All heavy atoms as atom14 arrays in JSON, in Angstrom:
{
  "sequence": "IVSIIMGSTSDLPVMEKACQFLNEMAVPFEVNALSAHRTPEQVEAF",
  "atom14_mask": [
    [1, 1, 1, 1, 1, 1, 1, 1, 0, 0, 0, 0, 0, 0],
    [1, 1, 1, 1, 1, 1, 1, 0, 0, 0, 0, 0, 0, 0],
    [1, 1, 1, 1, 1, 1, 0, 0, 0, 0, 0, 0, 0, 0],
    [1, 1, 1, 1, 1, 1, 1, 1, 0, 0, 0, 0, 0, 0],
    [1, 1, 1, 1, 1, 1, 1, 1, 0, 0, 0, 0, 0, 0],
    [1, 1, 1, 1, 1, 1, 1, 1, 0, 0, 0, 0, 0, 0],
    [1, 1, 1, 1, 0, 0, 0, 0, 0, 0, 0, 0, 0, 0],
    [1, 1, 1, 1, 1, 1, 0, 0, 0, 0, 0, 0, 0, 0],
    [1, 1, 1, 1, 1, 1, 1, 0, 0, 0, 0, 0, 0, 0],
    [1, 1, 1, 1, 1, 1, 0, 0, 0, 0, 0, 0, 0, 0],
    [1, 1, 1, 1, 1, 1, 1, 1, 0, 0, 0, 0, 0, 0],
    [1, 1, 1, 1, 1, 1, 1, 1, 0, 0, 0, 0, 0, 0],
    [1, 1, 1, 1, 1, 1, 1, 0, 0, 0, 0, 0, 0, 0],
    [1, 1, 1, 1, 1, 1, 1, 0, 0, 0, 0, 0, 0, 0],
    [1, 1, 1, 1, 1, 1, 1, 1, 0, 0, 0, 0, 0, 0],
    [1, 1, 1, 1, 1, 1, 1, 1, 1, 0, 0, 0, 0, 0],
    [1, 1, 1, 1, 1, 1, 1, 1, 1, 0, 0, 0, 0, 0],
    [1, 1, 1, 1, 1, 0, 0, 0, 0, 0, 0, 0, 0, 0],
    [1, 1, 1, 1, 1, 1, 0, 0, 0, 0, 0, 0, 0, 0],
    [1, 1, 1, 1, 1, 1, 1, 1, 1, 0, 0, 0, 0, 0],
    [1, 1, 1, 1, 1, 1, 1, 1, 1, 1, 1, 0, 0, 0],
    [1, 1, 1, 1, 1, 1, 1, 1, 0, 0, 0, 0, 0, 0],
    [1, 1, 1, 1, 1, 1, 1, 1, 0, 0, 0, 0, 0, 0],
    [1, 1, 1, 1, 1, 1, 1, 1, 1, 0, 0, 0, 0, 0],
    [1, 1, 1, 1, 1, 1, 1, 1, 0, 0, 0, 0, 0, 0],
    [1, 1, 1, 1, 1, 0, 0, 0, 0, 0, 0, 0, 0, 0],
    [1, 1, 1, 1, 1, 1, 1, 0, 0, 0, 0, 0, 0, 0],
    [1, 1, 1, 1, 1, 1, 1, 0, 0, 0, 0, 0, 0, 0],
    [1, 1, 1, 1, 1, 1, 1, 1, 1, 1, 1, 0, 0, 0],
    [1, 1, 1, 1, 1, 1, 1, 1, 1, 0, 0, 0, 0, 0],
    [1, 1, 1, 1, 1, 1, 1, 0, 0, 0, 0, 0, 0, 0],
    [1, 1, 1, 1, 1, 1, 1, 1, 0, 0, 0, 0, 0, 0],
    [1, 1, 1, 1, 1, 0, 0, 0, 0, 0, 0, 0, 0, 0],
    [1, 1, 1, 1, 1, 1, 1, 1, 0, 0, 0, 0, 0, 0],
    [1, 1, 1, 1, 1, 1, 0, 0, 0, 0, 0, 0, 0, 0],
    [1, 1, 1, 1, 1, 0, 0, 0, 0, 0, 0, 0, 0, 0],
    [1, 1, 1, 1, 1, 1, 1, 1, 1, 1, 0, 0, 0, 0],
    [1, 1, 1, 1, 1, 1, 1, 1, 1, 1, 1, 0, 0, 0],
    [1, 1, 1, 1, 1, 1, 1, 0, 0, 0, 0, 0, 0, 0],
    [1, 1, 1, 1, 1, 1, 1, 0, 0, 0, 0, 0, 0, 0],
    [1, 1, 1, 1, 1, 1, 1, 1, 1, 0, 0, 0, 0, 0],
    [1, 1, 1, 1, 1, 1, 1, 1, 1, 0, 0, 0, 0, 0],
    [1, 1, 1, 1, 1, 1, 1, 0, 0, 0, 0, 0, 0, 0],
    [1, 1, 1, 1, 1, 1, 1, 1, 1, 0, 0, 0, 0, 0],
    [1, 1, 1, 1, 1, 0, 0, 0, 0, 0, 0, 0, 0, 0],
    [1, 1, 1, 1, 1, 1, 1, 1, 1, 1, 1, 0, 0, 0]
  ],
  "atom14_positions": [
    [[-178.35, -221.53, -107.72], [-177.82, -222.88, -107.84], [-176.56, -222.9, -108.71], [-175.85, -223.89, -108.74], [-178.88, -223.89, -108.34], [-179.45, -223.5, -109.7], [-179.98, -224.05, -107.32], [-180.39, -224.54, -110.29], [0.0, 0.0, 0.0], [0.0, 0.0, 0.0], [0.0, 0.0, 0.0], [0.0, 0.0, 0.0], [0.0, 0.0, 0.0], [0.0, 0.0, 0.0]],
    [[-176.3, -221.79, -109.4], [-175.04, -221.6, -110.12], [-174.41, -220.32, -109.6], [-175.1, -219.33, -109.39], [-175.27, -221.49, -111.64], [-173.96, -221.18, -112.36], [-175.89, -222.77, -112.19], [0.0, 0.0, 0.0], [0.0, 0.0, 0.0], [0.0, 0.0, 0.0], [0.0, 0.0, 0.0], [0.0, 0.0, 0.0], [0.0, 0.0, 0.0], [0.0, 0.0, 0.0]],
    [[-173.11, -220.39, -109.38], [-172.38, -219.21, -108.95], [-171.34, -218.88, -110.01], [-170.57, -219.74, -110.43], [-171.69, -219.47, -107.61], [-171.09, -218.28, -107.15], [0.0, 0.0, 0.0], [0.0, 0.0, 0.0], [0.0, 0.0, 0.0], [0.0, 0.0, 0.0], [0.0, 0.0, 0.0], [0.0, 0.0, 0.0], [0.0, 0.0, 0.0], [0.0, 0.0, 0.0]],
    [[-171.36, -217.63, -110.46], [-170.38, -217.14, -111.43], [-169.41, -216.25, -110.65], [-169.81, -215.28, -110.01], [-171.05, -216.34, -112.56], [-172.0, -217.24, -113.34], [-169.99, -215.7, -113.47], [-172.81, -216.52, -114.4], [0.0, 0.0, 0.0], [0.0, 0.0, 0.0], [0.0, 0.0, 0.0], [0.0, 0.0, 0.0], [0.0, 0.0, 0.0], [0.0, 0.0, 0.0]],
    [[-168.13, -216.62, -110.73], [-167.09, -215.9, -110.01], [-166.06, -215.41, -111.01], [-165.66, -216.15, -111.91], [-166.4, -216.83, -108.97], [-167.42, -217.46, -108.04], [-165.33, -216.08, -108.19], [-168.18, -216.47, -107.18], [0.0, 0.0, 0.0], [0.0, 0.0, 0.0], [0.0, 0.0, 0.0], [0.0, 0.0, 0.0], [0.0, 0.0, 0.0], [0.0, 0.0, 0.0]],
    [[-165.63, -214.18, -110.84], [-164.56, -213.65, -111.68], [-163.57, -212.9, -110.81], [-163.93, -212.41, -109.74], [-165.13, -212.76, -112.78], [-165.92, -211.57, -112.29], [-166.92, -210.82, -113.58], [-168.43, -211.76, -113.39], [0.0, 0.0, 0.0], [0.0, 0.0, 0.0], [0.0, 0.0, 0.0], [0.0, 0.0, 0.0], [0.0, 0.0, 0.0], [0.0, 0.0, 0.0]],
    [[-162.33, -212.85, -111.26], [-161.28, -212.2, -110.49], [-161.47, -210.71, -110.34], [-161.07, -210.12, -109.34], [0.0, 0.0, 0.0], [0.0, 0.0, 0.0], [0.0, 0.0, 0.0], [0.0, 0.0, 0.0], [0.0, 0.0, 0.0], [0.0, 0.0, 0.0], [0.0, 0.0, 0.0], [0.0, 0.0, 0.0], [0.0, 0.0, 0.0], [0.0, 0.0, 0.0]],
    [[-162.08, -210.1, -111.32], [-162.41, -208.67, -111.25], [-163.52, -208.38, -112.25], [-163.81, -209.2, -113.13], [-161.18, -207.8, -111.56], [-160.89, -207.83, -112.94], [0.0, 0.0, 0.0], [0.0, 0.0, 0.0], [0.0, 0.0, 0.0], [0.0, 0.0, 0.0], [0.0, 0.0, 0.0], [0.0, 0.0, 0.0], [0.0, 0.0, 0.0], [0.0, 0.0, 0.0]],
    [[-164.11, -207.22, -112.14], [-165.21, -206.88, -113.03], [-164.74, -206.64, -114.46], [-165.57, -206.53, -115.36], [-165.99, -205.65, -112.51], [-165.09, -204.57, -112.34], [-166.7, -205.97, -111.21], [0.0, 0.0, 0.0], [0.0, 0.0, 0.0], [0.0, 0.0, 0.0], [0.0, 0.0, 0.0], [0.0, 0.0, 0.0], [0.0, 0.0, 0.0], [0.0, 0.0, 0.0]],
    [[-163.44, -206.6, -114.69], [-162.96, -206.48, -116.07], [-163.31, -207.74, -116.88], [-163.32, -207.7, -118.1], [-161.44, -206.25, -116.1], [-160.75, -207.38, -115.59], [0.0, 0.0, 0.0], [0.0, 0.0, 0.0], [0.0, 0.0, 0.0], [0.0, 0.0, 0.0], [0.0, 0.0, 0.0], [0.0, 0.0, 0.0], [0.0, 0.0, 0.0], [0.0, 0.0, 0.0]],
    [[-163.65, -208.84, -116.19], [-164.07, -210.07, -116.87], [-165.56, -210.08, -117.19], [-166.03, -210.98, -117.89], [-163.75, -211.3, -116.0], [-162.27, -211.47, -115.75], [-161.47, -211.05, -116.61], [-161.91, -212.02, -114.69], [0.0, 0.0, 0.0], [0.0, 0.0, 0.0], [0.0, 0.0, 0.0], [0.0, 0.0, 0.0], [0.0, 0.0, 0.0], [0.0, 0.0, 0.0]],
    [[-166.31, -209.11, -116.71], [-167.76, -209.1, -116.89], [-168.2, -209.1, -118.36], [-169.15, -209.81, -118.71], [-168.41, -207.95, -116.14], [-169.94, -207.93, -116.14], [-170.51, -209.23, -115.58], [-170.46, -206.73, -115.36], [0.0, 0.0, 0.0], [0.0, 0.0, 0.0], [0.0, 0.0, 0.0], [0.0, 0.0, 0.0], [0.0, 0.0, 0.0], [0.0, 0.0, 0.0]],
    [[-167.54, -208.36, -119.26], [-167.98, -208.43, -120.66], [-167.96, -209.85, -121.23], [-168.81, -210.2, -122.05], [-166.99, -207.51, -121.4], [-166.57, -206.53, -120.35], [-166.51, -207.33, -119.07], [0.0, 0.0, 0.0], [0.0, 0.0, 0.0], [0.0, 0.0, 0.0], [0.0, 0.0, 0.0], [0.0, 0.0, 0.0], [0.0, 0.0, 0.0], [0.0, 0.0, 0.0]],
    [[-167.03, -210.68, -120.79], [-166.99, -212.08, -121.23], [-168.06, -212.88, -120.5], [-168.82, -213.64, -121.1], [-165.59, -212.69, -120.97], [-165.6, -214.2, -121.19], [-164.55, -212.02, -121.86], [0.0, 0.0, 0.0], [0.0, 0.0, 0.0], [0.0, 0.0, 0.0], [0.0, 0.0, 0.0], [0.0, 0.0, 0.0], [0.0, 0.0, 0.0], [0.0, 0.0, 0.0]],
    [[-168.15, -212.71, -119.2], [-169.04, -213.52, -118.37], [-170.51, -213.15, -118.54], [-171.39, -213.93, -118.16], [-168.62, -213.43, -116.91], [-167.2, -213.94, -116.66], [-166.85, -215.54, -117.42], [-167.88, -216.59, -116.43], [0.0, 0.0, 0.0], [0.0, 0.0, 0.0], [0.0, 0.0, 0.0], [0.0, 0.0, 0.0], [0.0, 0.0, 0.0], [0.0, 0.0, 0.0]],
    [[-170.78, -212.0, -119.12], [-172.16, -211.57, -119.36], [-172.93, -212.61, -120.18], [-174.12, -212.82, -119.95], [-172.14, -210.21, -120.09], [-173.51, -209.66, -120.4], [-174.29, -209.22, -119.17], [-173.66, -208.93, -118.14], [-175.53, -209.17, -119.25], [0.0, 0.0, 0.0], [0.0, 0.0, 0.0], [0.0, 0.0, 0.0], [0.0, 0.0, 0.0], [0.0, 0.0, 0.0]],
    [[-172.26, -213.28, -121.1], [-172.94, -214.28, -121.93], [-173.42, -215.46, -121.08], [-174.49, -216.03, -121.34], [-172.02, -214.74, -123.05], [-171.78, -213.65, -124.08], [-170.86, -214.11, -125.18], [-170.66, -213.05, -126.22], [-169.73, -212.01, -125.83], [0.0, 0.0, 0.0], [0.0, 0.0, 0.0], [0.0, 0.0, 0.0], [0.0, 0.0, 0.0], [0.0, 0.0, 0.0]],
    [[-172.67, -215.83, -120.06], [-173.11, -216.89, -119.15], [-174.33, -216.42, -118.37], [-175.3, -217.16, -118.2], [-171.99, -217.3, -118.19], [0.0, 0.0, 0.0], [0.0, 0.0, 0.0], [0.0, 0.0, 0.0], [0.0, 0.0, 0.0], [0.0, 0.0, 0.0], [0.0, 0.0, 0.0], [0.0, 0.0, 0.0], [0.0, 0.0, 0.0], [0.0, 0.0, 0.0]],
    [[-174.29, -215.18, -117.9], [-175.42, -214.62, -117.17], [-176.68, -214.62, -118.03], [-177.76, -215.01, -117.57], [-175.1, -213.2, -116.71], [-173.75, -213.04, -115.54], [0.0, 0.0, 0.0], [0.0, 0.0, 0.0], [0.0, 0.0, 0.0], [0.0, 0.0, 0.0], [0.0, 0.0, 0.0], [0.0, 0.0, 0.0], [0.0, 0.0, 0.0], [0.0, 0.0, 0.0]],
    [[-176.54, -214.19, -119.27], [-177.69, -214.13, -120.17], [-178.28, -215.52, -120.42], [-179.49, -215.7, -120.39], [-177.29, -213.48, -121.5], [-177.0, -212.01, -121.37], [-176.33, -211.43, -122.61], [-175.9, -212.14, -123.52], [-176.23, -210.11, -122.64], [0.0, 0.0, 0.0], [0.0, 0.0, 0.0], [0.0, 0.0, 0.0], [0.0, 0.0, 0.0], [0.0, 0.0, 0.0]],
    [[-177.41, -216.53, -120.63], [-177.92, -217.87, -120.9], [-178.64, -218.43, -119.67], [-179.74, -218.99, -119.8], [-176.78, -218.81, -121.33], [-177.29, -220.15, -121.77], [-177.72, -220.33, -123.07], [-177.38, -221.22, -120.89], [-178.22, -221.55, -123.5], [-177.88, -222.45, -121.3], [-178.3, -222.62, -122.61], [0.0, 0.0, 0.0], [0.0, 0.0, 0.0], [0.0, 0.0, 0.0]],
    [[-178.03, -218.31, -118.5], [-178.68, -218.8, -117.28], [-180.01, -218.1, -117.06], [-181.0, -218.73, -116.66], [-177.75, -218.63, -116.08], [-176.49, -219.49, -116.1], [-175.54, -219.06, -114.98], [-176.84, -220.98, -115.97], [0.0, 0.0, 0.0], [0.0, 0.0, 0.0], [0.0, 0.0, 0.0], [0.0, 0.0, 0.0], [0.0, 0.0, 0.0], [0.0, 0.0, 0.0]],
    [[-180.06, -216.82, -117.33], [-181.29, -216.06, -117.17], [-182.36, -216.57, -118.14], [-183.52, -216.76, -117.75], [-181.01, -214.57, -117.41], [-182.07, -213.7, -116.8], [-182.28, -213.72, -115.6], [-182.74, -212.91, -117.63], [0.0, 0.0, 0.0], [0.0, 0.0, 0.0], [0.0, 0.0, 0.0], [0.0, 0.0, 0.0], [0.0, 0.0, 0.0], [0.0, 0.0, 0.0]],
    [[-181.98, -216.82, -119.4], [-182.92, -217.35, -120.39], [-183.45, -218.73, -119.99], [-184.59, -219.06, -120.28], [-182.26, -217.42, -121.76], [-182.01, -216.08, -122.4], [-181.11, -216.15, -123.63], [-180.87, -217.26, -124.15], [-180.63, -215.08, -124.04], [0.0, 0.0, 0.0], [0.0, 0.0, 0.0], [0.0, 0.0, 0.0], [0.0, 0.0, 0.0], [0.0, 0.0, 0.0]],
    [[-182.61, -219.52, -119.34], [-183.0, -220.87, -118.9], [-183.73, -220.85, -117.55], [-184.14, -221.88, -117.06], [-181.77, -221.78, -118.78], [-181.11, -222.11, -120.09], [-182.15, -223.14, -121.14], [-182.27, -222.13, -122.59], [0.0, 0.0, 0.0], [0.0, 0.0, 0.0], [0.0, 0.0, 0.0], [0.0, 0.0, 0.0], [0.0, 0.0, 0.0], [0.0, 0.0, 0.0]],
    [[-183.88, -219.66, -116.97], [-184.53, -219.48, -115.66], [-183.82, -220.28, -114.56], [-184.46, -220.84, -113.68], [-186.01, -219.83, -115.74], [0.0, 0.0, 0.0], [0.0, 0.0, 0.0], [0.0, 0.0, 0.0], [0.0, 0.0, 0.0], [0.0, 0.0, 0.0], [0.0, 0.0, 0.0], [0.0, 0.0, 0.0], [0.0, 0.0, 0.0], [0.0, 0.0, 0.0]],
    [[-182.5, -220.3, -114.63], [-181.68, -220.96, -113.6], [-181.18, -219.87, -112.66], [-180.45, -218.97, -113.09], [-180.5, -221.71, -114.24], [-179.53, -222.22, -113.19], [-181.02, -222.86, -115.1], [0.0, 0.0, 0.0], [0.0, 0.0, 0.0], [0.0, 0.0, 0.0], [0.0, 0.0, 0.0], [0.0, 0.0, 0.0], [0.0, 0.0, 0.0], [0.0, 0.0, 0.0]],
    [[-181.55, -219.93, -111.38], [-181.09, -218.9, -110.44], [-179.56, -218.92, -110.29], [-178.97, -219.98, -110.11], [-181.77, -219.29, -109.13], [-182.9, -220.18, -109.5], [-182.46, -220.89, -110.75], [0.0, 0.0, 0.0], [0.0, 0.0, 0.0], [0.0, 0.0, 0.0], [0.0, 0.0, 0.0], [0.0, 0.0, 0.0], [0.0, 0.0, 0.0], [0.0, 0.0, 0.0]],
    [[-178.97, -217.73, -110.38], [-177.52, -217.65, -110.28], [-177.11, -216.38, -109.55], [-177.91, -215.46, -109.37], [-176.87, -217.68, -111.68], [-177.19, -216.48, -112.54], [-176.32, -215.41, -112.63], [-178.38, -216.42, -113.26], [-176.62, -214.31, -113.42], [-178.69, -215.33, -114.06], [-177.8, -214.27, -114.14], [0.0, 0.0, 0.0], [0.0, 0.0, 0.0], [0.0, 0.0, 0.0]],
    [[-175.87, -216.38, -109.12], [-175.28, -215.2, -108.49], [-173.99, -214.86, -109.24], [-173.43, -215.72, -109.92], [-174.98, -215.45, -107.01], [-173.94, -216.54, -106.79], [-173.71, -216.86, -105.32], [-174.45, -216.38, -104.45], [-172.74, -217.6, -105.05], [0.0, 0.0, 0.0], [0.0, 0.0, 0.0], [0.0, 0.0, 0.0], [0.0, 0.0, 0.0], [0.0, 0.0, 0.0]],
    [[-173.56, -213.62, -109.14], [-172.32, -213.17, -109.77], [-171.54, -212.39, -108.74], [-172.07, -211.46, -108.12], [-172.61, -212.26, -110.99], [-171.31, -211.86, -111.68], [-173.54, -212.93, -111.97], [0.0, 0.0, 0.0], [0.0, 0.0, 0.0], [0.0, 0.0, 0.0], [0.0, 0.0, 0.0], [0.0, 0.0, 0.0], [0.0, 0.0, 0.0], [0.0, 0.0, 0.0]],
    [[-170.26, -212.77, -108.58], [-169.4, -212.08, -107.62], [-167.99, -211.97, -108.17], [-167.56, -212.77, -109.0], [-169.34, -212.83, -106.29], [-170.65, -212.76, -105.54], [-171.03, -211.7, -105.06], [-171.35, -213.87, -105.47], [0.0, 0.0, 0.0], [0.0, 0.0, 0.0], [0.0, 0.0, 0.0], [0.0, 0.0, 0.0], [0.0, 0.0, 0.0], [0.0, 0.0, 0.0]],
    [[-167.27, -210.97, -107.68], [-165.85, -210.82, -107.97], [-165.06, -211.25, -106.73], [-165.31, -210.73, -105.64], [-165.52, -209.38, -108.33], [0.0, 0.0, 0.0], [0.0, 0.0, 0.0], [0.0, 0.0, 0.0], [0.0, 0.0, 0.0], [0.0, 0.0, 0.0], [0.0, 0.0, 0.0], [0.0, 0.0, 0.0], [0.0, 0.0, 0.0], [0.0, 0.0, 0.0]],
    [[-164.19, -212.22, -106.91], [-163.29, -212.68, -105.85], [-161.95, -212.97, -106.52], [-161.91, -213.57, -107.59], [-163.81, -213.96, -105.19], [-165.08, -213.85, -104.37], [-165.58, -215.24, -104.0], [-164.82, -213.03, -103.12], [0.0, 0.0, 0.0], [0.0, 0.0, 0.0], [0.0, 0.0, 0.0], [0.0, 0.0, 0.0], [0.0, 0.0, 0.0], [0.0, 0.0, 0.0]],
    [[-160.88, -212.59, -105.88], [-159.57, -212.78, -106.47], [-158.77, -213.8, -105.68], [-158.64, -213.69, -104.45], [-158.81, -211.44, -106.48], [-157.46, -211.65, -106.82], [0.0, 0.0, 0.0], [0.0, 0.0, 0.0], [0.0, 0.0, 0.0], [0.0, 0.0, 0.0], [0.0, 0.0, 0.0], [0.0, 0.0, 0.0], [0.0, 0.0, 0.0], [0.0, 0.0, 0.0]],
    [[-158.23, -214.8, -106.37], [-157.4, -215.82, -105.72], [-156.15, -215.19, -105.1], [-155.63, -215.72, -104.11], [-156.99, -216.88, -106.73], [0.0, 0.0, 0.0], [0.0, 0.0, 0.0], [0.0, 0.0, 0.0], [0.0, 0.0, 0.0], [0.0, 0.0, 0.0], [0.0, 0.0, 0.0], [0.0, 0.0, 0.0], [0.0, 0.0, 0.0], [0.0, 0.0, 0.0]],
    [[-155.72, -214.06, -105.63], [-154.49, -213.43, -105.13], [-154.75, -212.26, -104.19], [-154.01, -212.06, -103.24], [-153.64, -212.96, -106.31], [-153.25, -214.08, -107.21], [-153.85, -214.29, -108.43], [-152.37, -215.09, -107.05], [-153.33, -215.36, -108.99], [-152.44, -215.88, -108.18], [0.0, 0.0, 0.0], [0.0, 0.0, 0.0], [0.0, 0.0, 0.0], [0.0, 0.0, 0.0]],
    [[-155.81, -211.5, -104.45], [-156.07, -210.31, -103.62], [-157.02, -210.58, -102.47], [-157.01, -209.86, -101.47], [-156.61, -209.18, -104.51], [-155.57, -208.68, -105.49], [-156.15, -207.66, -106.43], [-157.08, -208.34, -107.34], [-157.09, -208.18, -108.65], [-156.26, -207.36, -109.23], [-157.95, -208.84, -109.39], [0.0, 0.0, 0.0], [0.0, 0.0, 0.0], [0.0, 0.0, 0.0]],
    [[-157.87, -211.6, -102.61], [-158.81, -211.94, -101.53], [-158.81, -213.46, -101.29], [-159.86, -214.11, -101.34], [-160.24, -211.46, -101.87], [-160.67, -212.11, -103.07], [-160.32, -209.96, -102.02], [0.0, 0.0, 0.0], [0.0, 0.0, 0.0], [0.0, 0.0, 0.0], [0.0, 0.0, 0.0], [0.0, 0.0, 0.0], [0.0, 0.0, 0.0], [0.0, 0.0, 0.0]],
    [[-157.66, -214.05, -101.0], [-157.6, -215.51, -100.89], [-158.47, -216.09, -99.78], [-159.06, -217.17, -99.95], [-156.12, -215.8, -100.64], [-155.55, -214.52, -100.12], [-156.36, -213.43, -100.76], [0.0, 0.0, 0.0], [0.0, 0.0, 0.0], [0.0, 0.0, 0.0], [0.0, 0.0, 0.0], [0.0, 0.0, 0.0], [0.0, 0.0, 0.0], [0.0, 0.0, 0.0]],
    [[-158.61, -215.4, -98.66], [-159.45, -215.91, -97.58], [-160.92, -215.94, -97.98], [-161.64, -216.89, -97.67], [-159.27, -215.07, -96.29], [-157.9, -215.15, -95.69], [-156.92, -214.14, -96.29], [-157.35, -213.25, -97.08], [-155.71, -214.26, -96.0], [0.0, 0.0, 0.0], [0.0, 0.0, 0.0], [0.0, 0.0, 0.0], [0.0, 0.0, 0.0], [0.0, 0.0, 0.0]],
    [[-161.36, -214.9, -98.7], [-162.75, -214.86, -99.15], [-163.03, -215.94, -100.19], [-164.11, -216.53, -100.2], [-163.11, -213.48, -99.71], [-163.21, -212.4, -98.65], [-161.92, -211.61, -98.51], [-160.82, -212.16, -98.63], [-162.03, -210.33, -98.23], [0.0, 0.0, 0.0], [0.0, 0.0, 0.0], [0.0, 0.0, 0.0], [0.0, 0.0, 0.0], [0.0, 0.0, 0.0]],
    [[-162.07, -216.22, -101.06], [-162.23, -217.27, -102.06], [-162.38, -218.62, -101.36], [-163.28, -219.41, -101.69], [-161.05, -217.3, -103.05], [-161.1, -218.55, -103.94], [-161.04, -216.05, -103.91], [0.0, 0.0, 0.0], [0.0, 0.0, 0.0], [0.0, 0.0, 0.0], [0.0, 0.0, 0.0], [0.0, 0.0, 0.0], [0.0, 0.0, 0.0], [0.0, 0.0, 0.0]],
    [[-161.54, -218.88, -100.39], [-161.6, -220.15, -99.66], [-162.94, -220.28, -98.93], [-163.59, -221.32, -98.99], [-160.44, -220.25, -98.67], [-160.42, -221.55, -97.92], [-159.24, -221.68, -96.96], [-158.35, -220.81, -96.97], [-159.24, -222.65, -96.19], [0.0, 0.0, 0.0], [0.0, 0.0, 0.0], [0.0, 0.0, 0.0], [0.0, 0.0, 0.0], [0.0, 0.0, 0.0]],
    [[-163.35, -219.22, -98.24], [-164.63, -219.25, -97.52], [-165.8, -219.45, -98.49], [-166.72, -220.23, -98.21], [-164.81, -217.96, -96.72], [0.0, 0.0, 0.0], [0.0, 0.0, 0.0], [0.0, 0.0, 0.0], [0.0, 0.0, 0.0], [0.0, 0.0, 0.0], [0.0, 0.0, 0.0], [0.0, 0.0, 0.0], [0.0, 0.0, 0.0], [0.0, 0.0, 0.0]],
    [[-165.77, -218.75, -99.63], [-166.82, -218.92, -100.63], [-166.9, -220.37, -101.08], [-167.96, -220.98, -101.11], [-166.58, -218.0, -101.84], [-167.29, -218.48, -103.06], [-168.65, -218.26, -103.21], [-166.64, -219.24, -104.02], [-169.34, -218.75, -104.31], [-167.31, -219.73, -105.13], [-168.66, -219.49, -105.27], [0.0, 0.0, 0.0], [0.0, 0.0, 0.0], [0.0, 0.0, 0.0]]
  ]
}
């Protein structure tokens, strides 16, 4: 019900805190890397 998106996995050390909090709250989430510049069609479809 929550989607975490980052431009690349280099953002994961920052975004890990969001993952941990959602996990502690038992809120189902997904994590994906999508780039507005390198994968614009996938970002739009997502």
